[in-house]
Amino acid sequence: MIEIDGGKLFYEVRGSGSPVVLVHGGSLDASMWDAQVALLEGAHTVIRYDLRGHGKSSSPTAPFSHHEDLRQLLDALDVPSAEVVGLSLGGQIAIDFAIAYPGRVAKLLLAAPGISGKPFRDPFILGNLAELAAAKEAGEHERAVEHILRMWVDGPHRTSKEVDPAIRAFCRELNFASVTRPEGAGHSFATGFGAAGRIAELRAETLLLVGDLDCADMLGTADLIAREAPRVRKHTLPGAGHMINLEAPAEFARLLRRFLAR
């Protein structure tokens, strides 16, 4: 654990070599990167951590910024710069960090990234968010988790039966732990950065991965980054949804390893 402003972060460091930071998705935790840690630790110092309000890290009690938490983690570990890998909310955090601290990001791999300052518009997402809020208000945790899984595991183009049941079960477990935290994940305390209007400032060499079965909002975000970031290469994974590293681990590993070796 490390002390940060207003809380504590749980982290793990494995391997040796050039540093790579893995930033997990919302309502999940650092265990979603197990396969990638095993892949990279032979050649890299691999750093992963639980976001504030997730996993073993403390819950927020006041406004905070995820990208500033990442800065404090790297400061505590004496890591001046790193290659940063982020999925979903982790991708959003990686973008914010890379814009705020451009000299500290050697390379950036964004998998199905969110982006701060860009509201959801996809009716599929908006409908499930409304149902999720109602389920949380009623204390119906199982129903709440199901709507999270519908959005971010199944997606708009598949039923739950068309998704690998092991992936769904794994994500269900992590999301249930997040939803049932006494104070929740504390997303309402996370302050925005507004990266959607600053993508041209994203100077790091970037590999952008998106699944073609993801929702329209995520596909639109990928298009925005590909259009405005000066050093980005976009790669679309056919047949994959939002949880790219879990759904297409072999292809994700191939692209990740090749990108870091460039």
Protein backbone atom coordinates (compact mmCIF):
# COMPACT_ATOMS: atom_id res chain seq x y z
CA MET A 1 0.00 0.00 0.00
CA ILE A 2 1.08 3.58 -0.55
CA GLU A 3 -0.31 6.71 1.05
CA ILE A 4 -1.85 9.20 -1.36
CA ASP A 5 -3.71 12.43 -0.72
CA GLY A 6 -6.81 11.38 1.18
CA GLY A 7 -6.35 7.61 0.92
CA LYS A 8 -4.27 4.55 0.10
CA LEU A 9 -3.58 2.59 -3.09
CA PHE A 10 -2.88 -1.11 -3.30
CA TYR A 11 -0.24 -1.94 -5.90
CA GLU A 12 1.99 -4.78 -7.09
CA VAL A 13 5.37 -4.69 -8.85
CA ARG A 14 6.70 -7.73 -10.73
CA GLY A 15 9.70 -8.38 -12.97
CA SER A 16 12.53 -6.09 -14.03
CA GLY A 17 13.30 -3.92 -17.03
CA SER A 18 11.62 -0.87 -18.53
CA PRO A 19 8.48 0.02 -16.52
CA VAL A 20 4.98 -0.75 -17.80
CA VAL A 21 1.91 0.40 -15.85
CA LEU A 22 -1.39 -1.46 -16.25
CA VAL A 23 -4.55 0.53 -15.40
CA HIS A 24 -7.75 -1.50 -15.03
CA GLY A 25 -11.31 -0.76 -16.05
CA GLY A 26 -14.07 0.74 -13.92
CA SER A 27 -15.71 -1.47 -11.25
CA LEU A 28 -12.97 -4.08 -11.77
CA ASP A 29 -9.55 -4.42 -10.15
CA ALA A 30 -5.92 -5.13 -11.02
CA SER A 31 -6.50 -8.89 -11.28
CA MET A 32 -7.95 -8.35 -14.75
CA TRP A 33 -4.31 -8.06 -15.91
CA ASP A 34 -3.10 -11.47 -14.65
CA ALA A 35 -2.30 -12.78 -18.14
CA GLN A 36 -0.53 -9.58 -19.16
CA VAL A 37 1.63 -9.55 -16.02
CA ALA A 38 2.74 -13.11 -16.77
CA LEU A 39 3.49 -12.09 -20.36
CA LEU A 40 5.53 -8.99 -19.56
CA GLU A 41 7.35 -9.58 -16.28
CA GLY A 42 10.27 -11.37 -17.96
CA ALA A 43 11.32 -8.21 -19.81
CA HIS A 44 9.68 -5.34 -17.93
CA THR A 45 9.03 -3.98 -14.47
CA VAL A 46 5.25 -4.42 -14.44
CA ILE A 47 3.24 -2.16 -12.14
CA ARG A 48 -0.46 -2.66 -11.56
CA TYR A 49 -2.72 -1.19 -8.92
CA ASP A 50 -6.30 -0.96 -7.74
CA LEU A 51 -7.87 2.40 -8.53
CA ARG A 52 -9.15 4.41 -5.62
CA GLY A 53 -12.55 2.98 -4.69
CA HIS A 54 -11.71 -0.42 -6.21
CA GLY A 55 -10.28 -3.69 -4.99
CA LYS A 56 -8.01 -3.31 -1.97
CA SER A 57 -7.54 0.45 -2.32
CA SER A 58 -9.35 2.87 -0.05
CA SER A 59 -12.61 4.52 -1.01
CA PRO A 60 -12.73 8.23 -1.80
CA THR A 61 -14.27 10.59 0.74
CA ALA A 62 -13.67 13.85 -1.16
CA PRO A 63 -13.08 14.94 -4.76
CA PHE A 64 -9.93 13.48 -6.34
CA SER A 65 -8.40 12.79 -9.77
CA HIS A 66 -7.48 9.28 -10.90
CA HIS A 67 -4.59 10.56 -13.01
CA GLU A 68 -3.14 12.39 -10.00
CA ASP A 69 -3.35 9.15 -8.03
CA LEU A 70 -1.30 7.54 -10.80
CA ARG A 71 1.25 10.34 -10.59
CA GLN A 72 1.55 9.86 -6.83
CA LEU A 73 2.01 6.11 -7.29
CA LEU A 74 4.82 6.58 -9.81
CA ASP A 75 6.42 9.25 -7.62
CA ALA A 76 6.38 6.88 -4.64
CA LEU A 77 7.97 4.13 -6.75
CA ASP A 78 10.56 6.55 -8.17
CA VAL A 79 9.44 5.90 -11.76
CA PRO A 80 10.04 9.06 -13.81
CA SER A 81 8.36 7.69 -16.97
CA ALA A 82 6.66 4.51 -18.09
CA GLU A 83 4.76 2.82 -20.86
CA VAL A 84 1.11 2.95 -19.85
CA VAL A 85 -1.59 0.42 -20.77
CA GLY A 86 -5.21 1.17 -19.93
CA LEU A 87 -8.58 -0.41 -20.67
CA SER A 88 -11.92 1.43 -20.54
CA LEU A 89 -11.76 3.76 -17.50
CA GLY A 90 -8.09 2.81 -17.31
CA GLY A 91 -7.66 4.11 -20.84
CA GLN A 92 -9.38 7.35 -19.88
CA ILE A 93 -7.01 7.73 -16.93
CA ALA A 94 -4.02 6.97 -19.15
CA ILE A 95 -5.09 9.69 -21.61
CA ASP A 96 -5.57 12.25 -18.83
CA PHE A 97 -2.16 11.37 -17.36
CA ALA A 98 -0.42 11.54 -20.74
CA ILE A 99 -1.86 14.98 -21.48
CA ALA A 100 -1.20 16.33 -17.97
CA TYR A 101 2.33 14.86 -17.75
CA PRO A 102 3.55 14.27 -21.31
CA GLY A 103 7.16 13.74 -20.27
CA ARG A 104 6.21 10.80 -18.07
CA VAL A 105 4.63 8.58 -20.74
CA ALA A 106 7.00 6.74 -23.06
CA LYS A 107 4.26 4.91 -24.96
CA LEU A 108 0.52 4.51 -24.60
CA LEU A 109 -1.66 1.50 -25.34
CA LEU A 110 -5.36 2.29 -25.14
CA ALA A 111 -7.81 -0.61 -25.19
CA ALA A 112 -11.47 0.39 -25.66
CA PRO A 113 -10.71 3.66 -23.86
CA GLY A 114 -13.17 6.02 -22.31
CA ILE A 115 -12.44 9.72 -22.52
CA SER A 116 -13.09 12.44 -19.96
CA GLY A 117 -15.41 15.24 -21.05
CA LYS A 118 -17.38 13.17 -23.56
CA PRO A 119 -20.88 12.17 -22.35
CA PHE A 120 -22.54 8.90 -23.24
CA ARG A 121 -25.09 9.15 -26.06
CA ASP A 122 -25.68 5.57 -27.18
CA PRO A 123 -29.31 4.66 -26.27
CA PHE A 124 -28.13 1.16 -25.31
CA ILE A 125 -25.73 2.59 -22.72
CA LEU A 126 -28.13 5.28 -21.48
CA GLY A 127 -30.90 2.74 -20.97
CA ASN A 128 -28.69 0.38 -19.00
CA LEU A 129 -27.27 3.25 -16.93
CA ALA A 130 -30.80 4.24 -15.95
CA GLU A 131 -31.63 0.65 -14.98
CA LEU A 132 -28.35 0.38 -13.10
CA ALA A 133 -29.13 3.49 -11.06
CA ALA A 134 -32.62 2.18 -10.25
CA ALA A 135 -31.23 -1.20 -9.18
CA LYS A 136 -28.64 0.43 -6.91
CA GLU A 137 -31.29 2.67 -5.39
CA ALA A 138 -33.41 -0.40 -4.63
CA GLY A 139 -30.44 -2.28 -3.18
CA GLU A 140 -30.76 -4.98 -5.87
CA HIS A 141 -27.10 -5.79 -6.31
CA GLU A 142 -27.47 -8.75 -8.63
CA ARG A 143 -29.66 -6.75 -11.00
CA ALA A 144 -27.24 -3.83 -10.87
CA VAL A 145 -24.31 -6.07 -11.79
CA GLU A 146 -26.28 -7.60 -14.64
CA HIS A 147 -26.74 -4.18 -16.23
CA ILE A 148 -22.99 -3.51 -15.92
CA LEU A 149 -22.31 -6.83 -17.62
CA ARG A 150 -24.81 -6.03 -20.35
CA MET A 151 -23.03 -2.76 -21.13
CA TRP A 152 -19.40 -3.72 -20.81
CA VAL A 153 -19.17 -7.49 -21.30
CA ASP A 154 -22.03 -8.44 -23.64
CA GLY A 155 -22.40 -5.12 -25.46
CA PRO A 156 -25.24 -4.12 -27.78
CA HIS A 157 -24.65 -6.80 -30.42
CA ARG A 158 -24.70 -10.01 -28.34
CA THR A 159 -26.84 -11.75 -25.77
CA SER A 160 -25.29 -12.98 -22.54
CA LYS A 161 -25.36 -16.53 -23.93
CA GLU A 162 -23.09 -15.49 -26.80
CA VAL A 163 -20.27 -14.45 -24.44
CA ASP A 164 -17.70 -16.83 -22.96
CA PRO A 165 -19.28 -17.82 -19.61
CA ALA A 166 -15.88 -17.84 -17.86
CA ILE A 167 -15.29 -14.19 -18.84
CA ARG A 168 -18.76 -13.24 -17.72
CA ALA A 169 -18.34 -15.04 -14.38
CA PHE A 170 -14.97 -13.38 -13.75
CA CYS A 171 -16.33 -9.91 -14.50
CA ARG A 172 -19.45 -10.61 -12.45
CA GLU A 173 -17.32 -11.41 -9.40
CA LEU A 174 -15.26 -8.22 -9.67
CA ASN A 175 -18.26 -6.02 -10.40
CA PHE A 176 -20.25 -7.50 -7.53
CA ALA A 177 -17.40 -6.69 -5.14
CA SER A 178 -17.42 -3.12 -6.44
CA VAL A 179 -21.19 -2.65 -6.30
CA THR A 180 -21.44 -4.04 -2.76
CA ARG A 181 -18.71 -1.90 -1.22
CA PRO A 182 -20.43 -0.09 1.68
CA GLU A 183 -19.71 3.27 0.08
CA GLY A 184 -19.71 2.07 -3.52
CA ALA A 185 -16.81 2.72 -5.86
CA GLY A 186 -17.05 6.45 -5.26
CA HIS A 187 -17.26 7.39 -8.93
CA SER A 188 -19.13 10.57 -8.02
CA PHE A 189 -16.02 11.87 -6.25
CA ALA A 190 -13.80 11.49 -9.35
CA THR A 191 -13.18 14.90 -10.93
CA GLY A 192 -13.16 15.38 -14.69
CA PHE A 193 -10.23 16.43 -16.85
CA GLY A 194 -11.86 17.28 -20.18
CA ALA A 195 -9.51 15.34 -22.43
CA ALA A 196 -12.10 15.13 -25.22
CA GLY A 197 -11.22 18.69 -26.20
CA ARG A 198 -7.46 18.17 -25.84
CA ILE A 199 -6.67 15.02 -27.84
CA ALA A 200 -4.30 16.94 -30.11
CA GLU A 201 -2.08 17.31 -27.02
CA LEU A 202 -1.68 13.53 -26.78
CA ARG A 203 1.94 13.40 -27.97
CA ALA A 204 2.99 9.91 -26.87
CA GLU A 205 3.27 7.15 -29.46
CA THR A 206 -0.11 5.43 -29.11
CA LEU A 207 -1.60 2.10 -30.10
CA LEU A 208 -5.40 2.20 -30.00
CA LEU A 209 -7.34 -1.06 -29.85
CA VAL A 210 -11.10 -1.38 -30.19
CA GLY A 211 -13.45 -4.32 -30.66
CA ASP A 212 -15.96 -4.07 -33.48
CA LEU A 213 -18.74 -5.37 -31.19
CA ASP A 214 -18.32 -2.53 -28.68
CA CYS A 215 -20.99 0.14 -28.23
CA ALA A 216 -21.30 3.22 -30.43
CA ASP A 217 -19.89 5.51 -27.74
CA MET A 218 -16.64 3.53 -27.50
CA LEU A 219 -16.33 3.25 -31.28
CA GLY A 220 -16.89 7.00 -31.55
CA THR A 221 -14.24 7.68 -28.92
CA ALA A 222 -11.77 5.52 -30.83
CA ASP A 223 -12.54 7.45 -34.02
CA LEU A 224 -12.02 10.77 -32.20
CA ILE A 225 -8.61 9.70 -30.89
CA ALA A 226 -7.54 8.25 -34.24
CA ARG A 227 -8.54 11.45 -35.99
CA GLU A 228 -6.96 13.99 -33.62
CA ALA A 229 -3.99 12.38 -31.85
CA PRO A 230 -0.81 13.01 -33.87
CA ARG A 231 0.99 9.69 -33.23
CA VAL A 232 -1.73 7.04 -33.04
CA ARG A 233 -2.26 3.74 -34.84
CA LYS A 234 -5.72 2.23 -34.59
CA HIS A 235 -6.37 -1.51 -34.76
CA THR A 236 -9.88 -3.01 -34.77
CA LEU A 237 -10.31 -6.53 -33.39
CA PRO A 238 -13.14 -8.35 -35.22
CA GLY A 239 -15.52 -10.33 -33.04
CA ALA A 240 -14.42 -8.64 -29.81
CA GLY A 241 -16.44 -6.43 -27.51
CA HIS A 242 -15.30 -4.08 -24.76
CA MET A 243 -13.18 -6.41 -22.60
CA ILE A 244 -10.50 -6.87 -25.25
CA ASN A 245 -7.69 -8.35 -23.16
CA LEU A 246 -10.05 -11.02 -21.79
CA GLU A 247 -11.89 -11.82 -25.01
CA ALA A 248 -8.91 -11.87 -27.37
CA PRO A 249 -5.93 -12.62 -25.10
CA ALA A 250 -3.66 -14.09 -27.80
CA GLU A 251 -4.15 -11.19 -30.23
CA PHE A 252 -3.93 -8.66 -27.40
CA ALA A 253 -0.66 -10.25 -26.25
CA ARG A 254 0.75 -10.21 -29.78
CA LEU A 255 -0.08 -6.54 -30.34
CA LEU A 256 1.07 -5.49 -26.87
CA ARG A 257 4.40 -7.28 -27.09
CA ARG A 258 5.12 -5.97 -30.60
CA PHE A 259 4.20 -2.40 -29.63
CA LEU A 260 6.41 -2.37 -26.52
CA ALA A 261 9.32 -3.85 -28.49
CA ARG A 262 9.27 -1.14 -31.19
